[in-house]
Amino acid sequence: QVQLVESGGGLVQAGGSLRLSCAASGRTFSSYAMGWFRQAPGKERKFVSAISWSGGSTYYADSVKGRFTISRDNAKNTVYLQMNSLKAEDTAIYYCAARRGIKVVLGADEYDSWGQGTQVTVSS
C-alpha cells in the first residue's frame, strides 16, 4: 500500500478554481491507478475522476466532465485534480485513492489506499 496525503482544498467562490494535490509515499507510485472521490455531508462517497498508471487514460463523472482535469506526475509521486468553474454542488471532502495495477476502476470499494481528505467549499 501507499500512503496518500491530499492538499489544496479551501474556500472559493462559485466560478473559481482550485487545484488539489495528492502526494504518495513509496517508490512504486507508477504501479498504481489513482482516483479522486468526494463526499458531501450526509451523502455517500462518489466517484469524481480516475487516471491510469501512465496517465494515458482518464475518466470523469458526468457532473465534472469539462470542468475538472486529472493528471499525474510519476516523478513526483503526485496526482492532481484541477477544478475549474466550481459550483456550490462541488462542495465536499475530496479524497484521493490508489489501486495497485494497470486497471482503472471507478468503484470506491476497489481502491486499496485512501488519503485523509481535503475540504472544498464553494460559496454561491
N, C-alpha and C. Protein backbone atom coordinates (compact mmCIF):
# COMPACT_ATOMS: atom_id res chain seq x y z
N GLN A 1 0.82 -1.19 0.00
CA GLN A 1 0.00 0.00 0.00
C GLN A 1 0.86 1.25 0.00
N VAL A 2 0.26 2.34 -0.44
CA VAL A 2 0.93 3.63 -0.41
C VAL A 2 0.21 4.51 0.59
N GLN A 3 0.95 5.47 1.12
CA GLN A 3 0.36 6.48 1.99
C GLN A 3 0.05 7.70 1.14
N LEU A 4 -1.14 8.25 1.32
CA LEU A 4 -1.60 9.36 0.48
C LEU A 4 -1.92 10.57 1.34
N VAL A 5 -1.50 11.75 0.89
CA VAL A 5 -1.79 12.99 1.60
C VAL A 5 -2.30 14.01 0.60
N GLU A 6 -3.55 14.44 0.80
CA GLU A 6 -4.14 15.45 -0.08
C GLU A 6 -3.86 16.85 0.45
N SER A 7 -3.87 17.81 -0.47
CA SER A 7 -3.74 19.21 -0.12
C SER A 7 -4.39 20.05 -1.22
N GLY A 8 -4.58 21.32 -0.92
CA GLY A 8 -5.08 22.23 -1.93
C GLY A 8 -6.54 22.62 -1.79
N GLY A 9 -7.22 22.03 -0.84
CA GLY A 9 -8.61 22.39 -0.64
C GLY A 9 -8.74 23.78 -0.04
N GLY A 10 -9.96 24.27 0.02
CA GLY A 10 -10.19 25.59 0.60
C GLY A 10 -11.55 26.12 0.26
N LEU A 11 -11.71 27.41 0.50
CA LEU A 11 -12.97 28.11 0.22
C LEU A 11 -12.79 28.94 -1.02
N VAL A 12 -13.72 28.80 -1.95
CA VAL A 12 -13.65 29.54 -3.21
C VAL A 12 -15.05 29.94 -3.62
N GLN A 13 -15.15 31.04 -4.34
CA GLN A 13 -16.45 31.47 -4.84
C GLN A 13 -16.85 30.66 -6.06
N ALA A 14 -18.14 30.57 -6.28
CA ALA A 14 -18.63 29.89 -7.46
C ALA A 14 -18.00 30.50 -8.71
N GLY A 15 -17.61 29.64 -9.63
CA GLY A 15 -16.93 30.08 -10.83
C GLY A 15 -15.41 30.09 -10.72
N GLY A 16 -14.92 29.92 -9.50
CA GLY A 16 -13.48 29.93 -9.27
C GLY A 16 -12.84 28.58 -9.53
N SER A 17 -11.55 28.51 -9.20
CA SER A 17 -10.77 27.31 -9.46
C SER A 17 -9.95 26.91 -8.23
N LEU A 18 -9.68 25.63 -8.14
CA LEU A 18 -8.75 25.09 -7.16
C LEU A 18 -8.00 23.94 -7.80
N ARG A 19 -6.80 23.70 -7.31
CA ARG A 19 -6.07 22.51 -7.74
C ARG A 19 -5.73 21.68 -6.52
N LEU A 20 -6.23 20.48 -6.50
CA LEU A 20 -5.93 19.54 -5.44
C LEU A 20 -4.70 18.72 -5.81
N SER A 21 -3.91 18.41 -4.81
CA SER A 21 -2.74 17.55 -5.00
C SER A 21 -2.85 16.37 -4.05
N CYS A 22 -2.29 15.26 -4.48
CA CYS A 22 -2.24 14.06 -3.64
C CYS A 22 -0.84 13.49 -3.77
N ALA A 23 -0.10 13.59 -2.69
CA ALA A 23 1.27 13.09 -2.66
C ALA A 23 1.30 11.68 -2.09
N ALA A 24 1.99 10.80 -2.78
CA ALA A 24 2.06 9.40 -2.38
C ALA A 24 3.46 9.03 -1.92
N SER A 25 3.51 8.20 -0.91
CA SER A 25 4.80 7.69 -0.44
C SER A 25 5.18 6.46 -1.24
N GLY A 26 6.42 6.05 -1.14
CA GLY A 26 6.85 4.81 -1.77
C GLY A 26 7.42 5.00 -3.15
N ARG A 27 8.09 3.95 -3.62
CA ARG A 27 8.78 4.03 -4.89
C ARG A 27 8.04 3.30 -6.00
N THR A 28 6.79 2.89 -5.72
CA THR A 28 6.03 2.16 -6.73
C THR A 28 4.79 2.90 -7.17
N PHE A 29 4.81 4.21 -7.03
CA PHE A 29 3.63 5.02 -7.36
C PHE A 29 3.17 4.77 -8.78
N SER A 30 4.09 4.61 -9.69
CA SER A 30 3.72 4.42 -11.10
C SER A 30 3.02 3.09 -11.34
N SER A 31 2.98 2.23 -10.34
CA SER A 31 2.28 0.95 -10.47
C SER A 31 0.81 1.04 -10.09
N TYR A 32 0.38 2.23 -9.69
CA TYR A 32 -0.95 2.41 -9.17
C TYR A 32 -1.83 3.25 -10.10
N ALA A 33 -3.05 2.79 -10.29
CA ALA A 33 -4.08 3.66 -10.85
C ALA A 33 -4.58 4.54 -9.70
N MET A 34 -4.95 5.76 -10.01
CA MET A 34 -5.34 6.71 -8.98
C MET A 34 -6.73 7.26 -9.24
N GLY A 35 -7.41 7.59 -8.17
CA GLY A 35 -8.75 8.14 -8.31
C GLY A 35 -9.00 9.26 -7.31
N TRP A 36 -9.97 10.09 -7.66
CA TRP A 36 -10.48 11.10 -6.75
C TRP A 36 -11.97 10.82 -6.51
N PHE A 37 -12.33 10.92 -5.26
CA PHE A 37 -13.73 10.76 -4.86
C PHE A 37 -14.11 11.94 -3.98
N ARG A 38 -15.40 12.15 -3.80
CA ARG A 38 -15.84 13.22 -2.92
C ARG A 38 -17.06 12.78 -2.12
N GLN A 39 -17.18 13.38 -0.96
CA GLN A 39 -18.31 13.07 -0.09
C GLN A 39 -18.85 14.34 0.52
N ALA A 40 -20.09 14.64 0.18
CA ALA A 40 -20.79 15.78 0.73
C ALA A 40 -21.46 15.37 2.04
N PRO A 41 -21.75 16.32 2.92
CA PRO A 41 -22.38 15.98 4.20
C PRO A 41 -23.67 15.20 4.03
N GLY A 42 -23.77 14.08 4.73
CA GLY A 42 -24.97 13.28 4.68
C GLY A 42 -25.14 12.46 3.43
N LYS A 43 -24.12 12.43 2.57
CA LYS A 43 -24.24 11.70 1.30
C LYS A 43 -23.13 10.65 1.19
N GLU A 44 -23.32 9.74 0.23
CA GLU A 44 -22.33 8.70 0.00
C GLU A 44 -21.10 9.27 -0.72
N ARG A 45 -20.00 8.57 -0.56
CA ARG A 45 -18.79 8.92 -1.29
C ARG A 45 -19.01 8.58 -2.76
N LYS A 46 -18.67 9.53 -3.63
CA LYS A 46 -18.92 9.35 -5.05
C LYS A 46 -17.66 9.52 -5.87
N PHE A 47 -17.62 8.80 -6.95
CA PHE A 47 -16.51 8.88 -7.89
C PHE A 47 -16.49 10.25 -8.55
N VAL A 48 -15.28 10.80 -8.70
CA VAL A 48 -15.09 12.07 -9.40
C VAL A 48 -14.26 11.86 -10.67
N SER A 49 -13.09 11.24 -10.50
CA SER A 49 -12.19 11.09 -11.64
C SER A 49 -11.17 10.01 -11.34
N ALA A 50 -10.58 9.44 -12.39
CA ALA A 50 -9.55 8.43 -12.24
C ALA A 50 -8.57 8.52 -13.38
N ILE A 51 -7.37 8.00 -13.13
CA ILE A 51 -6.31 8.06 -14.14
C ILE A 51 -5.50 6.78 -14.07
N SER A 52 -5.08 6.30 -15.22
CA SER A 52 -4.30 5.09 -15.28
C SER A 52 -2.88 5.33 -14.80
N TRP A 53 -2.11 4.24 -14.63
CA TRP A 53 -0.76 4.36 -14.09
C TRP A 53 0.13 5.24 -14.95
N SER A 54 -0.10 5.24 -16.23
CA SER A 54 0.74 6.01 -17.14
C SER A 54 0.21 7.42 -17.37
N GLY A 55 -1.04 7.64 -16.98
CA GLY A 55 -1.67 8.91 -17.29
C GLY A 55 -2.33 8.93 -18.66
N GLY A 56 -2.24 7.82 -19.35
CA GLY A 56 -2.75 7.79 -20.71
C GLY A 56 -4.26 7.67 -20.81
N SER A 57 -4.89 7.22 -19.74
CA SER A 57 -6.34 7.09 -19.73
C SER A 57 -6.91 7.84 -18.54
N THR A 58 -7.95 8.61 -18.79
CA THR A 58 -8.60 9.37 -17.72
C THR A 58 -10.11 9.18 -17.80
N TYR A 59 -10.75 9.29 -16.67
CA TYR A 59 -12.20 9.08 -16.58
C TYR A 59 -12.79 10.15 -15.66
N TYR A 60 -14.01 10.56 -15.96
CA TYR A 60 -14.66 11.60 -15.19
C TYR A 60 -16.12 11.27 -14.96
N ALA A 61 -16.62 11.69 -13.81
CA ALA A 61 -18.05 11.66 -13.58
C ALA A 61 -18.70 12.69 -14.49
N ASP A 62 -19.91 12.42 -14.92
CA ASP A 62 -20.60 13.35 -15.81
C ASP A 62 -20.73 14.74 -15.20
N SER A 63 -20.86 14.79 -13.89
CA SER A 63 -21.09 16.07 -13.21
C SER A 63 -19.88 16.99 -13.26
N VAL A 64 -18.70 16.44 -13.53
CA VAL A 64 -17.49 17.28 -13.54
C VAL A 64 -16.82 17.32 -14.91
N LYS A 65 -17.33 16.55 -15.85
CA LYS A 65 -16.72 16.47 -17.17
C LYS A 65 -16.69 17.84 -17.81
N GLY A 66 -15.53 18.21 -18.33
CA GLY A 66 -15.38 19.52 -18.97
C GLY A 66 -14.96 20.61 -18.02
N ARG A 67 -15.03 20.34 -16.71
CA ARG A 67 -14.63 21.34 -15.72
C ARG A 67 -13.41 20.91 -14.92
N PHE A 68 -13.28 19.61 -14.68
CA PHE A 68 -12.18 19.06 -13.88
C PHE A 68 -11.21 18.34 -14.80
N THR A 69 -9.93 18.39 -14.42
CA THR A 69 -8.90 17.66 -15.16
C THR A 69 -7.99 16.93 -14.18
N ILE A 70 -7.84 15.63 -14.38
CA ILE A 70 -6.95 14.84 -13.55
C ILE A 70 -5.63 14.65 -14.30
N SER A 71 -4.55 14.65 -13.56
CA SER A 71 -3.23 14.43 -14.16
C SER A 71 -2.32 13.83 -13.08
N ARG A 72 -1.18 13.36 -13.51
CA ARG A 72 -0.24 12.79 -12.55
C ARG A 72 1.19 13.05 -13.01
N ASP A 73 2.08 13.11 -12.04
CA ASP A 73 3.50 13.26 -12.29
C ASP A 73 4.18 12.13 -11.53
N ASN A 74 4.52 11.07 -12.22
CA ASN A 74 5.09 9.90 -11.55
C ASN A 74 6.47 10.19 -10.96
N ALA A 75 7.17 11.14 -11.54
CA ALA A 75 8.48 11.50 -11.00
C ALA A 75 8.35 12.17 -9.64
N LYS A 76 7.20 12.80 -9.40
CA LYS A 76 6.96 13.48 -8.13
C LYS A 76 6.00 12.71 -7.23
N ASN A 77 5.59 11.52 -7.67
CA ASN A 77 4.66 10.72 -6.88
C ASN A 77 3.41 11.50 -6.52
N THR A 78 2.88 12.24 -7.46
CA THR A 78 1.76 13.12 -7.17
C THR A 78 0.69 13.04 -8.25
N VAL A 79 -0.55 13.06 -7.82
CA VAL A 79 -1.69 13.16 -8.74
C VAL A 79 -2.42 14.46 -8.42
N TYR A 80 -2.95 15.08 -9.45
CA TYR A 80 -3.59 16.39 -9.31
C TYR A 80 -5.05 16.32 -9.79
N LEU A 81 -5.83 17.23 -9.26
CA LEU A 81 -7.18 17.43 -9.77
C LEU A 81 -7.38 18.94 -9.93
N GLN A 82 -7.35 19.40 -11.16
CA GLN A 82 -7.61 20.80 -11.46
C GLN A 82 -9.11 20.99 -11.58
N MET A 83 -9.65 21.87 -10.77
CA MET A 83 -11.10 22.08 -10.74
C MET A 83 -11.41 23.51 -11.15
N ASN A 84 -12.09 23.66 -12.26
CA ASN A 84 -12.47 24.97 -12.78
C ASN A 84 -13.98 25.12 -12.78
N SER A 85 -14.42 26.35 -12.91
CA SER A 85 -15.86 26.65 -12.96
C SER A 85 -16.60 25.96 -11.82
N LEU A 86 -16.09 26.12 -10.64
CA LEU A 86 -16.65 25.42 -9.49
C LEU A 86 -18.05 25.90 -9.18
N LYS A 87 -18.86 24.96 -8.72
CA LYS A 87 -20.25 25.21 -8.37
C LYS A 87 -20.46 24.88 -6.88
N ALA A 88 -21.53 25.41 -6.34
CA ALA A 88 -21.84 25.14 -4.93
C ALA A 88 -21.97 23.64 -4.69
N GLU A 89 -22.50 22.94 -5.67
CA GLU A 89 -22.70 21.49 -5.51
C GLU A 89 -21.40 20.69 -5.55
N ASP A 90 -20.29 21.35 -5.82
CA ASP A 90 -18.99 20.67 -5.75
C ASP A 90 -18.46 20.65 -4.31
N THR A 91 -19.13 21.33 -3.42
CA THR A 91 -18.71 21.35 -2.03
C THR A 91 -18.73 19.95 -1.44
N ALA A 92 -17.59 19.53 -0.90
CA ALA A 92 -17.45 18.19 -0.35
C ALA A 92 -16.05 18.01 0.22
N ILE A 93 -15.85 16.90 0.89
CA ILE A 93 -14.50 16.47 1.21
C ILE A 93 -14.01 15.63 0.04
N TYR A 94 -12.85 15.95 -0.47
CA TYR A 94 -12.29 15.25 -1.61
C TYR A 94 -11.19 14.29 -1.13
N TYR A 95 -11.31 13.06 -1.59
CA TYR A 95 -10.37 12.01 -1.20
C TYR A 95 -9.61 11.49 -2.41
N CYS A 96 -8.36 11.25 -2.18
CA CYS A 96 -7.50 10.61 -3.16
C CYS A 96 -7.43 9.12 -2.83
N ALA A 97 -7.38 8.27 -3.85
CA ALA A 97 -7.33 6.83 -3.63
C ALA A 97 -6.38 6.18 -4.63
N ALA A 98 -5.81 5.07 -4.22
CA ALA A 98 -4.86 4.35 -5.07
C ALA A 98 -5.24 2.89 -5.18
N ARG A 99 -5.04 2.34 -6.34
CA ARG A 99 -5.29 0.92 -6.59
C ARG A 99 -4.12 0.35 -7.37
N ARG A 100 -3.48 -0.65 -6.80
CA ARG A 100 -2.32 -1.24 -7.46
C ARG A 100 -2.75 -1.99 -8.72
N GLY A 101 -2.06 -1.73 -9.81
CA GLY A 101 -2.36 -2.42 -11.04
C GLY A 101 -2.66 -1.47 -12.18
N ILE A 102 -2.77 -2.05 -13.37
CA ILE A 102 -2.96 -1.22 -14.54
C ILE A 102 -4.43 -0.92 -14.82
N LYS A 103 -5.32 -1.66 -14.18
CA LYS A 103 -6.74 -1.49 -14.46
C LYS A 103 -7.26 -0.28 -13.71
N VAL A 104 -7.98 0.58 -14.42
CA VAL A 104 -8.61 1.73 -13.79
C VAL A 104 -10.04 1.35 -13.42
N VAL A 105 -10.42 1.58 -12.19
CA VAL A 105 -11.76 1.24 -11.74
C VAL A 105 -12.44 2.47 -11.19
N LEU A 106 -13.75 2.44 -11.16
CA LEU A 106 -14.50 3.61 -10.73
C LEU A 106 -15.19 3.42 -9.39
N GLY A 107 -15.19 2.19 -8.89
CA GLY A 107 -15.85 1.90 -7.63
C GLY A 107 -14.94 2.11 -6.44
N ALA A 108 -15.44 2.81 -5.45
CA ALA A 108 -14.62 3.11 -4.27
C ALA A 108 -14.14 1.84 -3.57
N ASP A 109 -14.95 0.82 -3.57
CA ASP A 109 -14.60 -0.42 -2.87
C ASP A 109 -13.39 -1.13 -3.46
N GLU A 110 -13.02 -0.77 -4.66
CA GLU A 110 -11.91 -1.45 -5.34
C GLU A 110 -10.57 -0.76 -5.14
N TYR A 111 -10.56 0.32 -4.41
CA TYR A 111 -9.31 1.01 -4.15
C TYR A 111 -8.69 0.53 -2.84
N ASP A 112 -7.35 0.45 -2.83
CA ASP A 112 -6.64 -0.14 -1.70
C ASP A 112 -6.25 0.86 -0.62
N SER A 113 -5.93 2.07 -1.03
CA SER A 113 -5.40 3.06 -0.10
C SER A 113 -6.14 4.37 -0.28
N TRP A 114 -6.30 5.09 0.83
CA TRP A 114 -7.04 6.35 0.83
C TRP A 114 -6.29 7.40 1.62
N GLY A 115 -6.43 8.65 1.17
CA GLY A 115 -5.93 9.76 1.94
C GLY A 115 -6.94 10.18 2.98
N GLN A 116 -6.57 11.21 3.73
CA GLN A 116 -7.43 11.67 4.83
C GLN A 116 -8.52 12.64 4.35
N GLY A 117 -8.37 13.14 3.15
CA GLY A 117 -9.36 14.05 2.59
C GLY A 117 -8.99 15.51 2.76
N THR A 118 -9.51 16.33 1.86
CA THR A 118 -9.32 17.77 1.94
C THR A 118 -10.65 18.44 1.63
N GLN A 119 -11.00 19.43 2.42
CA GLN A 119 -12.31 20.08 2.30
C GLN A 119 -12.29 21.10 1.16
N VAL A 120 -13.29 21.03 0.32
CA VAL A 120 -13.52 22.04 -0.72
C VAL A 120 -14.90 22.65 -0.46
N THR A 121 -14.93 23.95 -0.31
CA THR A 121 -16.18 24.65 -0.07
C THR A 121 -16.34 25.73 -1.13
N VAL A 122 -17.45 25.67 -1.86
CA VAL A 122 -17.72 26.63 -2.91
C VAL A 122 -18.92 27.47 -2.48
N SER A 123 -18.70 28.76 -2.36
CA SER A 123 -19.78 29.65 -1.93
C SER A 123 -20.49 30.21 -3.15
N SER A 124 -21.81 30.28 -3.04
CA SER A 124 -22.60 30.75 -4.18
C SER A 124 -22.92 32.23 -4.05
